[in-house]
Amino acid sequence: MLSAVIAWWAFLPPYFGYTPLTPGIVTNLLAFQFSCALIVWGADRYRSLLVHLQAEEEFRELAVGELAHRLKNKIATIQSIIGTKLRDEPKIRAEILGLLSSLSPRTT
């Protein structure tokens, strides 16, 4: 509301003074108020959407990290079982463990 009064005072002729309100001036001021409200609403929606997207991105990163950790644990378990079962076959064991190591997720 204050911005409409300032706009009336500063931007409508005579400049920097108040004139009696005519229907045209009232229409202009109402259009200005509506435009301001629309811009404020749009900025608020944009800000809330941005916060929501940032929270989703953080959750996505957390989920991907957790899945990588679980995969790493499963591969370590499989490597342990293969290492134990193929103790007498070192060449085959080394080949299989090498293949499993290539599947293990890399941590940065």
PDB file of N, CA and C in Angstrom:
ATOM      1  N   MET A   1       0.831  -1.198   0.000  1.00  0.00           N
ATOM      2  CA  MET A   1       0.000   0.000   0.000  1.00  0.00           C
ATOM      3  C   MET A   1       0.868   1.250   0.000  1.00  0.00           C
ATOM      4  N   LEU A   2       1.944   1.214   0.760  1.00  0.00           N
ATOM      5  CA  LEU A   2       2.830   2.372   0.828  1.00  0.00           C
ATOM      6  C   LEU A   2       3.467   2.641  -0.532  1.00  0.00           C
ATOM      7  N   SER A   3       3.794   1.579  -1.259  1.00  0.00           N
ATOM      8  CA  SER A   3       4.404   1.784  -2.575  1.00  0.00           C
ATOM      9  C   SER A   3       3.430   2.467  -3.531  1.00  0.00           C
ATOM     10  N   ALA A   4       2.141   2.194  -3.394  1.00  0.00           N
ATOM     11  CA  ALA A   4       1.151   2.861  -4.253  1.00  0.00           C
ATOM     12  C   ALA A   4       1.094   4.355  -3.943  1.00  0.00           C
ATOM     13  N   VAL A   5       1.176   4.696  -2.666  1.00  0.00           N
ATOM     14  CA  VAL A   5       1.162   6.115  -2.283  1.00  0.00           C
ATOM     15  C   VAL A   5       2.418   6.803  -2.810  1.00  0.00           C
ATOM     16  N   ILE A   6       3.559   6.139  -2.690  1.00  0.00           N
ATOM     17  CA  ILE A   6       4.810   6.722  -3.192  1.00  0.00           C
ATOM     18  C   ILE A   6       4.756   6.845  -4.712  1.00  0.00           C
ATOM     19  N   ALA A   7       4.225   5.828  -5.396  1.00  0.00           N
ATOM     20  CA  ALA A   7       4.102   5.896  -6.851  1.00  0.00           C
ATOM     21  C   ALA A   7       3.174   7.036  -7.253  1.00  0.00           C
ATOM     22  N   TRP A   8       2.093   7.193  -6.539  1.00  0.00           N
ATOM     23  CA  TRP A   8       1.163   8.290  -6.819  1.00  0.00           C
ATOM     24  C   TRP A   8       1.875   9.626  -6.668  1.00  0.00           C
ATOM     25  N   TRP A   9       2.655   9.775  -5.616  1.00  0.00           N
ATOM     26  CA  TRP A   9       3.350  11.019  -5.316  1.00  0.00           C
ATOM     27  C   TRP A   9       4.483  11.288  -6.312  1.00  0.00           C
ATOM     28  N   ALA A  10       5.267  10.242  -6.678  1.00  0.00           N
ATOM     29  CA  ALA A  10       6.479  10.453  -7.461  1.00  0.00           C
ATOM     30  C   ALA A  10       6.289  10.308  -8.966  1.00  0.00           C
ATOM     31  N   PHE A  11       5.352   9.494  -9.409  1.00  0.00           N
ATOM     32  CA  PHE A  11       5.307   9.166 -10.829  1.00  0.00           C
ATOM     33  C   PHE A  11       4.062   9.638 -11.570  1.00  0.00           C
ATOM     34  N   LEU A  12       3.080  10.143 -10.885  1.00  0.00           N
ATOM     35  CA  LEU A  12       1.888  10.637 -11.569  1.00  0.00           C
ATOM     36  C   LEU A  12       1.895  12.160 -11.568  1.00  0.00           C
ATOM     37  N   PRO A  13       1.568  12.778 -12.710  1.00  0.00           N
ATOM     38  CA  PRO A  13       1.602  14.243 -12.771  1.00  0.00           C
ATOM     39  C   PRO A  13       0.567  14.854 -11.838  1.00  0.00           C
ATOM     40  N   PRO A  14       0.814  15.963 -11.254  1.00  0.00           N
ATOM     41  CA  PRO A  14       2.093  16.663 -11.164  1.00  0.00           C
ATOM     42  C   PRO A  14       3.043  15.879 -10.264  1.00  0.00           C
ATOM     43  N   TYR A  15       4.271  15.759 -10.721  1.00  0.00           N
ATOM     44  CA  TYR A  15       5.257  14.956 -10.016  1.00  0.00           C
ATOM     45  C   TYR A  15       5.570  15.543  -8.643  1.00  0.00           C
ATOM     46  N   PHE A  16       5.805  14.667  -7.690  1.00  0.00           N
ATOM     47  CA  PHE A  16       6.139  15.002  -6.303  1.00  0.00           C
ATOM     48  C   PHE A  16       5.060  15.863  -5.649  1.00  0.00           C
ATOM     49  N   GLY A  17       3.850  15.511  -5.946  1.00  0.00           N
ATOM     50  CA  GLY A  17       2.717  16.168  -5.321  1.00  0.00           C
ATOM     51  C   GLY A  17       1.488  15.285  -5.470  1.00  0.00           C
ATOM     52  N   TYR A  18       0.523  15.525  -4.645  1.00  0.00           N
ATOM     53  CA  TYR A  18      -0.709  14.735  -4.699  1.00  0.00           C
ATOM     54  C   TYR A  18      -1.785  15.506  -5.452  1.00  0.00           C
ATOM     55  N   THR A  19      -2.480  14.811  -6.305  1.00  0.00           N
ATOM     56  CA  THR A  19      -3.601  15.415  -7.028  1.00  0.00           C
ATOM     57  C   THR A  19      -4.863  14.682  -6.605  1.00  0.00           C
ATOM     58  N   PRO A  20      -5.986  15.267  -6.812  1.00  0.00           N
ATOM     59  CA  PRO A  20      -7.224  14.541  -6.489  1.00  0.00           C
ATOM     60  C   PRO A  20      -7.310  13.260  -7.308  1.00  0.00           C
ATOM     61  N   LEU A  21      -7.848  12.255  -6.702  1.00  0.00           N
ATOM     62  CA  LEU A  21      -7.959  10.965  -7.375  1.00  0.00           C
ATOM     63  C   LEU A  21      -9.067  10.997  -8.414  1.00  0.00           C
ATOM     64  N   THR A  22      -8.691  10.688  -9.615  1.00  0.00           N
ATOM     65  CA  THR A  22      -9.661  10.556 -10.701  1.00  0.00           C
ATOM     66  C   THR A  22      -9.811   9.069 -10.991  1.00  0.00           C
ATOM     67  N   PRO A  23     -10.842   8.677 -11.713  1.00  0.00           N
ATOM     68  CA  PRO A  23     -10.999   7.260 -12.031  1.00  0.00           C
ATOM     69  C   PRO A  23      -9.779   6.667 -12.746  1.00  0.00           C
ATOM     70  N   GLY A  24      -9.132   7.439 -13.611  1.00  0.00           N
ATOM     71  CA  GLY A  24      -7.934   6.958 -14.305  1.00  0.00           C
ATOM     72  C   GLY A  24      -6.784   6.704 -13.350  1.00  0.00           C
ATOM     73  N   ILE A  25      -6.586   7.632 -12.402  1.00  0.00           N
ATOM     74  CA  ILE A  25      -5.511   7.475 -11.422  1.00  0.00           C
ATOM     75  C   ILE A  25      -5.805   6.284 -10.516  1.00  0.00           C
ATOM     76  N   VAL A  26      -7.040   6.137 -10.109  1.00  0.00           N
ATOM     77  CA  VAL A  26      -7.416   5.000  -9.268  1.00  0.00           C
ATOM     78  C   VAL A  26      -7.157   3.686 -10.011  1.00  0.00           C
ATOM     79  N   THR A  27      -7.515   3.656 -11.292  1.00  0.00           N
ATOM     80  CA  THR A  27      -7.268   2.453 -12.091  1.00  0.00           C
ATOM     81  C   THR A  27      -5.770   2.166 -12.182  1.00  0.00           C
ATOM     82  N   ASN A  28      -4.977   3.202 -12.418  1.00  0.00           N
ATOM     83  CA  ASN A  28      -3.530   3.029 -12.498  1.00  0.00           C
ATOM     84  C   ASN A  28      -2.961   2.529 -11.172  1.00  0.00           C
ATOM     85  N   LEU A  29      -3.408   3.105 -10.078  1.00  0.00           N
ATOM     86  CA  LEU A  29      -2.912   2.685  -8.769  1.00  0.00           C
ATOM     87  C   LEU A  29      -3.327   1.247  -8.449  1.00  0.00           C
ATOM     88  N   LEU A  30      -4.549   0.876  -8.800  1.00  0.00           N
ATOM     89  CA  LEU A  30      -4.986  -0.509  -8.569  1.00  0.00           C
ATOM     90  C   LEU A  30      -4.194  -1.486  -9.430  1.00  0.00           C
ATOM     91  N   ALA A  31      -3.925  -1.108 -10.678  1.00  0.00           N
ATOM     92  CA  ALA A  31      -3.111  -1.956 -11.553  1.00  0.00           C
ATOM     93  C   ALA A  31      -1.702  -2.090 -10.985  1.00  0.00           C
ATOM     94  N   PHE A  32      -1.161  -0.994 -10.446  1.00  0.00           N
ATOM     95  CA  PHE A  32       0.163  -1.025  -9.823  1.00  0.00           C
ATOM     96  C   PHE A  32       0.159  -1.949  -8.610  1.00  0.00           C
ATOM     97  N   GLN A  33      -0.853  -1.848  -7.768  1.00  0.00           N
ATOM     98  CA  GLN A  33      -0.965  -2.707  -6.583  1.00  0.00           C
ATOM     99  C   GLN A  33      -1.071  -4.177  -6.986  1.00  0.00           C
ATOM    100  N   PHE A  34      -1.880  -4.450  -8.003  1.00  0.00           N
ATOM    101  CA  PHE A  34      -2.024  -5.819  -8.473  1.00  0.00           C
ATOM    102  C   PHE A  34      -0.698  -6.359  -9.015  1.00  0.00           C
ATOM    103  N   SER A  35       0.001  -5.538  -9.792  1.00  0.00           N
ATOM    104  CA  SER A  35       1.305  -5.950 -10.330  1.00  0.00           C
ATOM    105  C   SER A  35       2.296  -6.235  -9.208  1.00  0.00           C
ATOM    106  N   CYS A  36       2.316  -5.357  -8.213  1.00  0.00           N
ATOM    107  CA  CYS A  36       3.217  -5.560  -7.067  1.00  0.00           C
ATOM    108  C   CYS A  36       2.878  -6.849  -6.330  1.00  0.00           C
ATOM    109  N   ALA A  37       1.603  -7.087  -6.087  1.00  0.00           N
ATOM    110  CA  ALA A  37       1.193  -8.304  -5.385  1.00  0.00           C
ATOM    111  C   ALA A  37       1.558  -9.543  -6.187  1.00  0.00           C
ATOM    112  N   LEU A  38       1.394  -9.471  -7.498  1.00  0.00           N
ATOM    113  CA  LEU A  38       1.742 -10.596  -8.359  1.00  0.00           C
ATOM    114  C   LEU A  38       3.240 -10.872  -8.332  1.00  0.00           C
ATOM    115  N   ILE A  39       4.053  -9.834  -8.369  1.00  0.00           N
ATOM    116  CA  ILE A  39       5.507 -10.003  -8.316  1.00  0.00           C
ATOM    117  C   ILE A  39       5.934 -10.585  -6.971  1.00  0.00           C
ATOM    118  N   VAL A  40       5.375 -10.070  -5.887  1.00  0.00           N
ATOM    119  CA  VAL A  40       5.715 -10.589  -4.559  1.00  0.00           C
ATOM    120  C   VAL A  40       5.294 -12.049  -4.432  1.00  0.00           C
ATOM    121  N   TRP A  41       4.098 -12.392  -4.912  1.00  0.00           N
ATOM    122  CA  TRP A  41       3.631 -13.782  -4.865  1.00  0.00           C
ATOM    123  C   TRP A  41       4.555 -14.679  -5.691  1.00  0.00           C
ATOM    124  N   GLY A  42       4.913 -14.233  -6.897  1.00  0.00           N
ATOM    125  CA  GLY A  42       5.799 -15.026  -7.752  1.00  0.00           C
ATOM    126  C   GLY A  42       7.164 -15.228  -7.116  1.00  0.00           C
ATOM    127  N   ALA A  43       7.718 -14.187  -6.506  1.00  0.00           N
ATOM    128  CA  ALA A  43       9.017 -14.304  -5.847  1.00  0.00           C
ATOM    129  C   ALA A  43       8.934 -15.262  -4.663  1.00  0.00           C
ATOM    130  N   ASP A  44       7.850 -15.208  -3.914  1.00  0.00           N
ATOM    131  CA  ASP A  44       7.672 -16.120  -2.780  1.00  0.00           C
ATOM    132  C   ASP A  44       7.562 -17.571  -3.251  1.00  0.00           C
ATOM    133  N   ARG A  45       6.787 -17.803  -4.307  1.00  0.00           N
ATOM    134  CA  ARG A  45       6.651 -19.160  -4.861  1.00  0.00           C
ATOM    135  C   ARG A  45       7.996 -19.668  -5.368  1.00  0.00           C
ATOM    136  N   TYR A  46       8.757 -18.804  -6.040  1.00  0.00           N
ATOM    137  CA  TYR A  46      10.068 -19.178  -6.553  1.00  0.00           C
ATOM    138  C   TYR A  46      10.992 -19.545  -5.398  1.00  0.00           C
ATOM    139  N   ARG A  47      10.994 -18.734  -4.346  1.00  0.00           N
ATOM    140  CA  ARG A  47      11.849 -18.995  -3.192  1.00  0.00           C
ATOM    141  C   ARG A  47      11.487 -20.312  -2.521  1.00  0.00           C
ATOM    142  N   SER A  48      10.203 -20.578  -2.343  1.00  0.00           N
ATOM    143  CA  SER A  48       9.790 -21.833  -1.700  1.00  0.00           C
ATOM    144  C   SER A  48      10.095 -23.033  -2.594  1.00  0.00           C
ATOM    145  N   LEU A  49       9.950 -22.880  -3.895  1.00  0.00           N
ATOM    146  CA  LEU A  49      10.295 -23.956  -4.821  1.00  0.00           C
ATOM    147  C   LEU A  49      11.787 -24.239  -4.789  1.00  0.00           C
ATOM    148  N   LEU A  50      12.598 -23.201  -4.725  1.00  0.00           N
ATOM    149  CA  LEU A  50      14.044 -23.359  -4.657  1.00  0.00           C
ATOM    150  C   LEU A  50      14.452 -24.092  -3.382  1.00  0.00           C
ATOM    151  N   VAL A  51      13.854 -23.732  -2.258  1.00  0.00           N
ATOM    152  CA  VAL A  51      14.151 -24.422  -0.990  1.00  0.00           C
ATOM    153  C   VAL A  51      13.751 -25.891  -1.086  1.00  0.00           C
ATOM    154  N   HIS A  52      12.601 -26.161  -1.675  1.00  0.00           N
ATOM    155  CA  HIS A  52      12.127 -27.541  -1.835  1.00  0.00           C
ATOM    156  C   HIS A  52      13.082 -28.340  -2.721  1.00  0.00           C
ATOM    157  N   LEU A  53      13.534 -27.758  -3.817  1.00  0.00           N
ATOM    158  CA  LEU A  53      14.451 -28.453  -4.716  1.00  0.00           C
ATOM    159  C   LEU A  53      15.805 -28.704  -4.060  1.00  0.00           C
ATOM    160  N   GLN A  54      16.286 -27.764  -3.266  1.00  0.00           N
ATOM    161  CA  GLN A  54      17.547 -27.966  -2.557  1.00  0.00           C
ATOM    162  C   GLN A  54      17.430 -29.091  -1.540  1.00  0.00           C
ATOM    163  N   ALA A  55      16.304 -29.175  -0.844  1.00  0.00           N
ATOM    164  CA  ALA A  55      16.094 -30.256   0.116  1.00  0.00           C
ATOM    165  C   ALA A  55      16.032 -31.601  -0.595  1.00  0.00           C
ATOM    166  N   GLU A  56      15.368 -31.646  -1.748  1.00  0.00           N
ATOM    167  CA  GLU A  56      15.311 -32.894  -2.520  1.00  0.00           C
ATOM    168  C   GLU A  56      16.689 -33.307  -3.010  1.00  0.00           C
ATOM    169  N   GLU A  57      17.493 -32.356  -3.431  1.00  0.00           N
ATOM    170  CA  GLU A  57      18.846 -32.667  -3.903  1.00  0.00           C
ATOM    171  C   GLU A  57      19.706 -33.212  -2.763  1.00  0.00           C
ATOM    172  N   GLU A  58      19.599 -32.626  -1.580  1.00  0.00           N
ATOM    173  CA  GLU A  58      20.339 -33.133  -0.424  1.00  0.00           C
ATOM    174  C   GLU A  58      19.904 -34.556  -0.085  1.00  0.00           C
ATOM    175  N   PHE A  59      18.602 -34.814  -0.141  1.00  0.00           N
ATOM    176  CA  PHE A  59      18.099 -36.158   0.137  1.00  0.00           C
ATOM    177  C   PHE A  59      18.605 -37.145  -0.917  1.00  0.00           C
ATOM    178  N   ARG A  60      18.595 -36.735  -2.179  1.00  0.00           N
ATOM    179  CA  ARG A  60      19.073 -37.593  -3.262  1.00  0.00           C
ATOM    180  C   ARG A  60      20.544 -37.939  -3.056  1.00  0.00           C
ATOM    181  N   GLU A  61      21.361 -36.955  -2.700  1.00  0.00           N
ATOM    182  CA  GLU A  61      22.782 -37.206  -2.450  1.00  0.00           C
ATOM    183  C   GLU A  61      22.973 -38.155  -1.273  1.00  0.00           C
ATOM    184  N   LEU A  62      22.178 -37.987  -0.236  1.00  0.00           N
ATOM    185  CA  LEU A  62      22.253 -38.871   0.920  1.00  0.00           C
ATOM    186  C   LEU A  62      21.878 -40.301   0.535  1.00  0.00           C
ATOM    187  N   ALA A  63      20.821 -40.460  -0.249  1.00  0.00           N
ATOM    188  CA  ALA A  63      20.378 -41.792  -0.660  1.00  0.00           C
ATOM    189  C   ALA A  63      21.417 -42.465  -1.553  1.00  0.00           C
ATOM    190  N   VAL A  64      21.998 -41.727  -2.475  1.00  0.00           N
ATOM    191  CA  VAL A  64      23.021 -42.294  -3.354  1.00  0.00           C
ATOM    192  C   VAL A  64      24.244 -42.701  -2.540  1.00  0.00           C
ATOM    193  N   GLY A  65      24.633 -41.893  -1.590  1.00  0.00           N
ATOM    194  CA  GLY A  65      25.764 -42.236  -0.721  1.00  0.00           C
ATOM    195  C   GLY A  65      25.493 -43.496   0.090  1.00  0.00           C
ATOM    196  N   GLU A  66      24.280 -43.598   0.612  1.00  0.00           N
ATOM    197  CA  GLU A  66      23.915 -44.780   1.395  1.00  0.00           C
ATOM    198  C   GLU A  66      23.904 -46.035   0.522  1.00  0.00           C
ATOM    199  N   LEU A  67      23.357 -45.924  -0.676  1.00  0.00           N
ATOM    200  CA  LEU A  67      23.340 -47.076  -1.586  1.00  0.00           C
ATOM    201  C   LEU A  67      24.757 -47.491  -1.985  1.00  0.00           C
ATOM    202  N   ALA A  68      25.635 -46.537  -2.227  1.00  0.00           N
ATOM    203  CA  ALA A  68      27.029 -46.857  -2.560  1.00  0.00           C
ATOM    204  C   ALA A  68      27.702 -47.567  -1.389  1.00  0.00           C
ATOM    205  N   HIS A  69      27.423 -47.118  -0.186  1.00  0.00           N
ATOM    206  CA  HIS A  69      28.003 -47.743   1.003  1.00  0.00           C
ATOM    207  C   HIS A  69      27.511 -49.187   1.151  1.00  0.00           C
ATOM    208  N   ARG A  70      26.227 -49.405   0.942  1.00  0.00           N
ATOM    209  CA  ARG A  70      25.678 -50.760   1.046  1.00  0.00           C
ATOM    210  C   ARG A  70      26.238 -51.673  -0.037  1.00  0.00           C
ATOM    211  N   LEU A  71      26.383 -51.135  -1.242  1.00  0.00           N
ATOM    212  CA  LEU A  71      26.964 -51.930  -2.325  1.00  0.00           C
ATOM    213  C   LEU A  71      28.398 -52.315  -1.997  1.00  0.00           C
ATOM    214  N   LYS A  72      29.136 -51.385  -1.459  1.00  0.00           N
ATOM    215  CA  LYS A  72      30.519 -51.656  -1.065  1.00  0.00           C
ATOM    216  C   LYS A  72      30.571 -52.760  -0.016  1.00  0.00           C
ATOM    217  N   ASN A  73      29.657 -52.719   0.954  1.00  0.00           N
ATOM    218  CA  ASN A  73      29.613 -53.767   1.977  1.00  0.00           C
ATOM    219  C   ASN A  73      29.283 -55.131   1.371  1.00  0.00           C
ATOM    220  N   LYS A  74      28.341 -55.166   0.437  1.00  0.00           N
ATOM    221  CA  LYS A  74      27.971 -56.436  -0.201  1.00  0.00           C
ATOM    222  C   LYS A  74      29.136 -57.001  -1.003  1.00  0.00           C
ATOM    223  N   ILE A  75      29.828 -56.159  -1.732  1.00  0.00           N
ATOM    224  CA  ILE A  75      30.972 -56.625  -2.510  1.00  0.00           C
ATOM    225  C   ILE A  75      32.070 -57.136  -1.585  1.00  0.00           C
ATOM    226  N   ALA A  76      32.296 -56.466  -0.466  1.00  0.00           N
ATOM    227  CA  ALA A  76      33.295 -56.939   0.496  1.00  0.00           C
ATOM    228  C   ALA A  76      32.912 -58.308   1.055  1.00  0.00           C
ATOM    229  N   THR A  77      31.622 -58.514   1.315  1.00  0.00           N
ATOM    230  CA  THR A  77      31.155 -59.822   1.804  1.00  0.00           C
ATOM    231  C   THR A  77      31.382 -60.899   0.752  1.00  0.00           C
ATOM    232  N   ILE A  78      31.038 -60.603  -0.495  1.00  0.00           N
ATOM    233  CA  ILE A  78      31.226 -61.569  -1.579  1.00  0.00           C
ATOM    234  C   ILE A  78      32.713 -61.865  -1.774  1.00  0.00           C
ATOM    235  N   GLN A  79      33.553 -60.843  -1.706  1.00  0.00           N
ATOM    236  CA  GLN A  79      34.996 -61.051  -1.834  1.00  0.00           C
ATOM    237  C   GLN A  79      35.519 -61.951  -0.720  1.00  0.00           C
ATOM    238  N   SER A  80      35.008 -61.761   0.469  1.00  0.00           N
ATOM    239  CA  SER A  80      35.428 -62.600   1.598  1.00  0.00           C
ATOM    240  C   SER A  80      35.031 -64.063   1.382  1.00  0.00           C
ATOM    241  N   ILE A  81      33.809 -64.280   0.925  1.00  0.00           N
ATOM    242  CA  ILE A  81      33.345 -65.649   0.672  1.00  0.00           C
ATOM    243  C   ILE A  81      34.172 -66.294  -0.436  1.00  0.00           C
ATOM    244  N   ILE A  82      34.403 -65.554  -1.520  1.00  0.00           N
ATOM    245  CA  ILE A  82      35.198 -66.109  -2.621  1.00  0.00           C
ATOM    246  C   ILE A  82      36.624 -66.381  -2.164  1.00  0.00           C
ATOM    247  N   GLY A  83      37.174 -65.463  -1.398  1.00  0.00           N
ATOM    248  CA  GLY A  83      38.536 -65.668  -0.886  1.00  0.00           C
ATOM    249  C   GLY A  83      38.650 -66.907  -0.037  1.00  0.00           C
ATOM    250  N   THR A  84      37.621 -67.173   0.754  1.00  0.00           N
ATOM    251  CA  THR A  84      37.631 -68.353   1.619  1.00  0.00           C
ATOM    252  C   THR A  84      37.428 -69.628   0.810  1.00  0.00           C
ATOM    253  N   LYS A  85      36.454 -69.633  -0.081  1.00  0.00           N
ATOM    254  CA  LYS A  85      36.109 -70.836  -0.845  1.00  0.00           C
ATOM    255  C   LYS A  85      37.165 -71.190  -1.881  1.00  0.00           C
ATOM    256  N   LEU A  86      37.836 -70.200  -2.448  1.00  0.00           N
ATOM    257  CA  LEU A  86      38.832 -70.473  -3.482  1.00  0.00           C
ATOM    258  C   LEU A  86      40.257 -70.296  -2.947  1.00  0.00           C
ATOM    259  N   ARG A  87      40.428 -70.616  -1.696  1.00  0.00           N
ATOM    260  CA  ARG A  87      41.737 -70.494  -1.069  1.00  0.00           C
ATOM    261  C   ARG A  87      42.777 -71.353  -1.796  1.00  0.00           C
ATOM    262  N   ASP A  88      42.359 -72.508  -2.284  1.00  0.00           N
ATOM    263  CA  ASP A  88      43.281 -73.441  -2.931  1.00  0.00           C
ATOM    264  C   ASP A  88      43.488 -73.120  -4.417  1.00  0.00           C
ATOM    265  N   GLU A  89      42.771 -72.172  -4.961  1.00  0.00           N
ATOM    266  CA  GLU A  89      42.875 -71.781  -6.371  1.00  0.00           C
ATOM    267  C   GLU A  89      43.246 -70.293  -6.450  1.00  0.00           C
ATOM    268  N   PRO A  90      44.493 -69.927  -6.186  1.00  0.00           N
ATOM    269  CA  PRO A  90      44.868 -68.510  -6.103  1.00  0.00           C
ATOM    270  C   PRO A  90      44.692 -67.741  -7.415  1.00  0.00           C
ATOM    271  N   LYS A  91      44.939 -68.396  -8.549  1.00  0.00           N
ATOM    272  CA  LYS A  91      44.816 -67.687  -9.825  1.00  0.00           C
ATOM    273  C   LYS A  91      43.352 -67.332 -10.117  1.00  0.00           C
ATOM    274  N   ILE A  92      42.451 -68.282  -9.961  1.00  0.00           N
ATOM    275  CA  ILE A  92      41.019 -68.041 -10.187  1.00  0.00           C
ATOM    276  C   ILE A  92      40.499 -67.028  -9.168  1.00  0.00           C
ATOM    277  N   ARG A  93      40.928 -67.195  -7.915  1.00  0.00           N
ATOM    278  CA  ARG A  93      40.497 -66.272  -6.854  1.00  0.00           C
ATOM    279  C   ARG A  93      40.916 -64.841  -7.183  1.00  0.00           C
ATOM    280  N   ALA A  94      42.151 -64.651  -7.636  1.00  0.00           N
ATOM    281  CA  ALA A  94      42.657 -63.313  -7.969  1.00  0.00           C
ATOM    282  C   ALA A  94      41.873 -62.713  -9.135  1.00  0.00           C
ATOM    283  N   GLU A  95      41.544 -63.525 -10.142  1.00  0.00           N
ATOM    284  CA  GLU A  95      40.779 -63.017 -11.289  1.00  0.00           C
ATOM    285  C   GLU A  95      39.386 -62.575 -10.861  1.00  0.00           C
ATOM    286  N   ILE A  96      38.704 -63.415 -10.080  1.00  0.00           N
ATOM    287  CA  ILE A  96      37.339 -63.088  -9.650  1.00  0.00           C
ATOM    288  C   ILE A  96      37.348 -61.866  -8.728  1.00  0.00           C
ATOM    289  N   LEU A  97      38.296 -61.825  -7.799  1.00  0.00           N
ATOM    290  CA  LEU A  97      38.368 -60.678  -6.890  1.00  0.00           C
ATOM    291  C   LEU A  97      38.706 -59.386  -7.645  1.00  0.00           C
ATOM    292  N   GLY A  98      39.507 -59.500  -8.693  1.00  0.00           N
ATOM    293  CA  GLY A  98      39.815 -58.336  -9.524  1.00  0.00           C
ATOM    294  C   GLY A  98      38.571 -57.817 -10.233  1.00  0.00           C
ATOM    295  N   LEU A  99      37.750 -58.745 -10.744  1.00  0.00           N
ATOM    296  CA  LEU A  99      36.501 -58.343 -11.390  1.00  0.00           C
ATOM    297  C   LEU A  99      35.548 -57.680 -10.398  1.00  0.00           C
ATOM    298  N   LEU A 100      35.466 -58.241  -9.202  1.00  0.00           N
ATOM    299  CA  LEU A 100      34.587 -57.645  -8.182  1.00  0.00           C
ATOM    300  C   LEU A 100      35.089 -56.263  -7.754  1.00  0.00           C
ATOM    301  N   SER A 101      36.390 -56.108  -7.700  1.00  0.00           N
ATOM    302  CA  SER A 101      36.946 -54.797  -7.313  1.00  0.00           C
ATOM    303  C   SER A 101      36.582 -53.730  -8.342  1.00  0.00           C
ATOM    304  N   SER A 102      36.497 -54.139  -9.610  1.00  0.00           N
ATOM    305  CA  SER A 102      36.140 -53.158 -10.641  1.00  0.00           C
ATOM    306  C   SER A 102      34.670 -52.731 -10.505  1.00  0.00           C
ATOM    307  N   LEU A 103      33.838 -53.554  -9.862  1.00  0.00           N
ATOM    308  CA  LEU A 103      32.434 -53.190  -9.652  1.00  0.00           C
ATOM    309  C   LEU A 103      32.226 -52.309  -8.436  1.00  0.00           C
ATOM    310  N   SER A 104      33.197 -52.279  -7.564  1.00  0.00           N
ATOM    311  CA  SER A 104      33.053 -51.538  -6.314  1.00  0.00           C
ATOM    312  C   SER A 104      32.966 -50.040  -6.599  1.00  0.00           C
ATOM    313  N   PRO A 105      32.023 -49.334  -5.947  1.00  0.00           N
ATOM    314  CA  PRO A 105      31.878 -47.890  -6.181  1.00  0.00           C
ATOM    315  C   PRO A 105      33.095 -47.141  -5.667  1.00  0.00           C
ATOM    316  N   ARG A 106      33.463 -46.129  -6.403  1.00  0.00           N
ATOM    317  CA  ARG A 106      34.611 -45.288  -6.006  1.00  0.00           C
ATOM    318  C   ARG A 106      34.120 -44.181  -5.098  1.00  0.00           C
ATOM    319  N   THR A 107      34.874 -43.918  -4.061  1.00  0.00           N
ATOM    320  CA  THR A 107      34.542 -42.803  -3.163  1.00  0.00           C
ATOM    321  C   THR A 107      35.436 -41.634  -3.531  1.00  0.00           C
ATOM    322  N   THR A 108      34.860 -40.450  -3.532  1.00  0.00           N
ATOM    323  CA  THR A 108      35.639 -39.260  -3.889  1.00  0.00           C
ATOM    324  C   THR A 108      35.885 -38.425  -2.675  1.00  0.00           C
TER     325      THR A 108
END
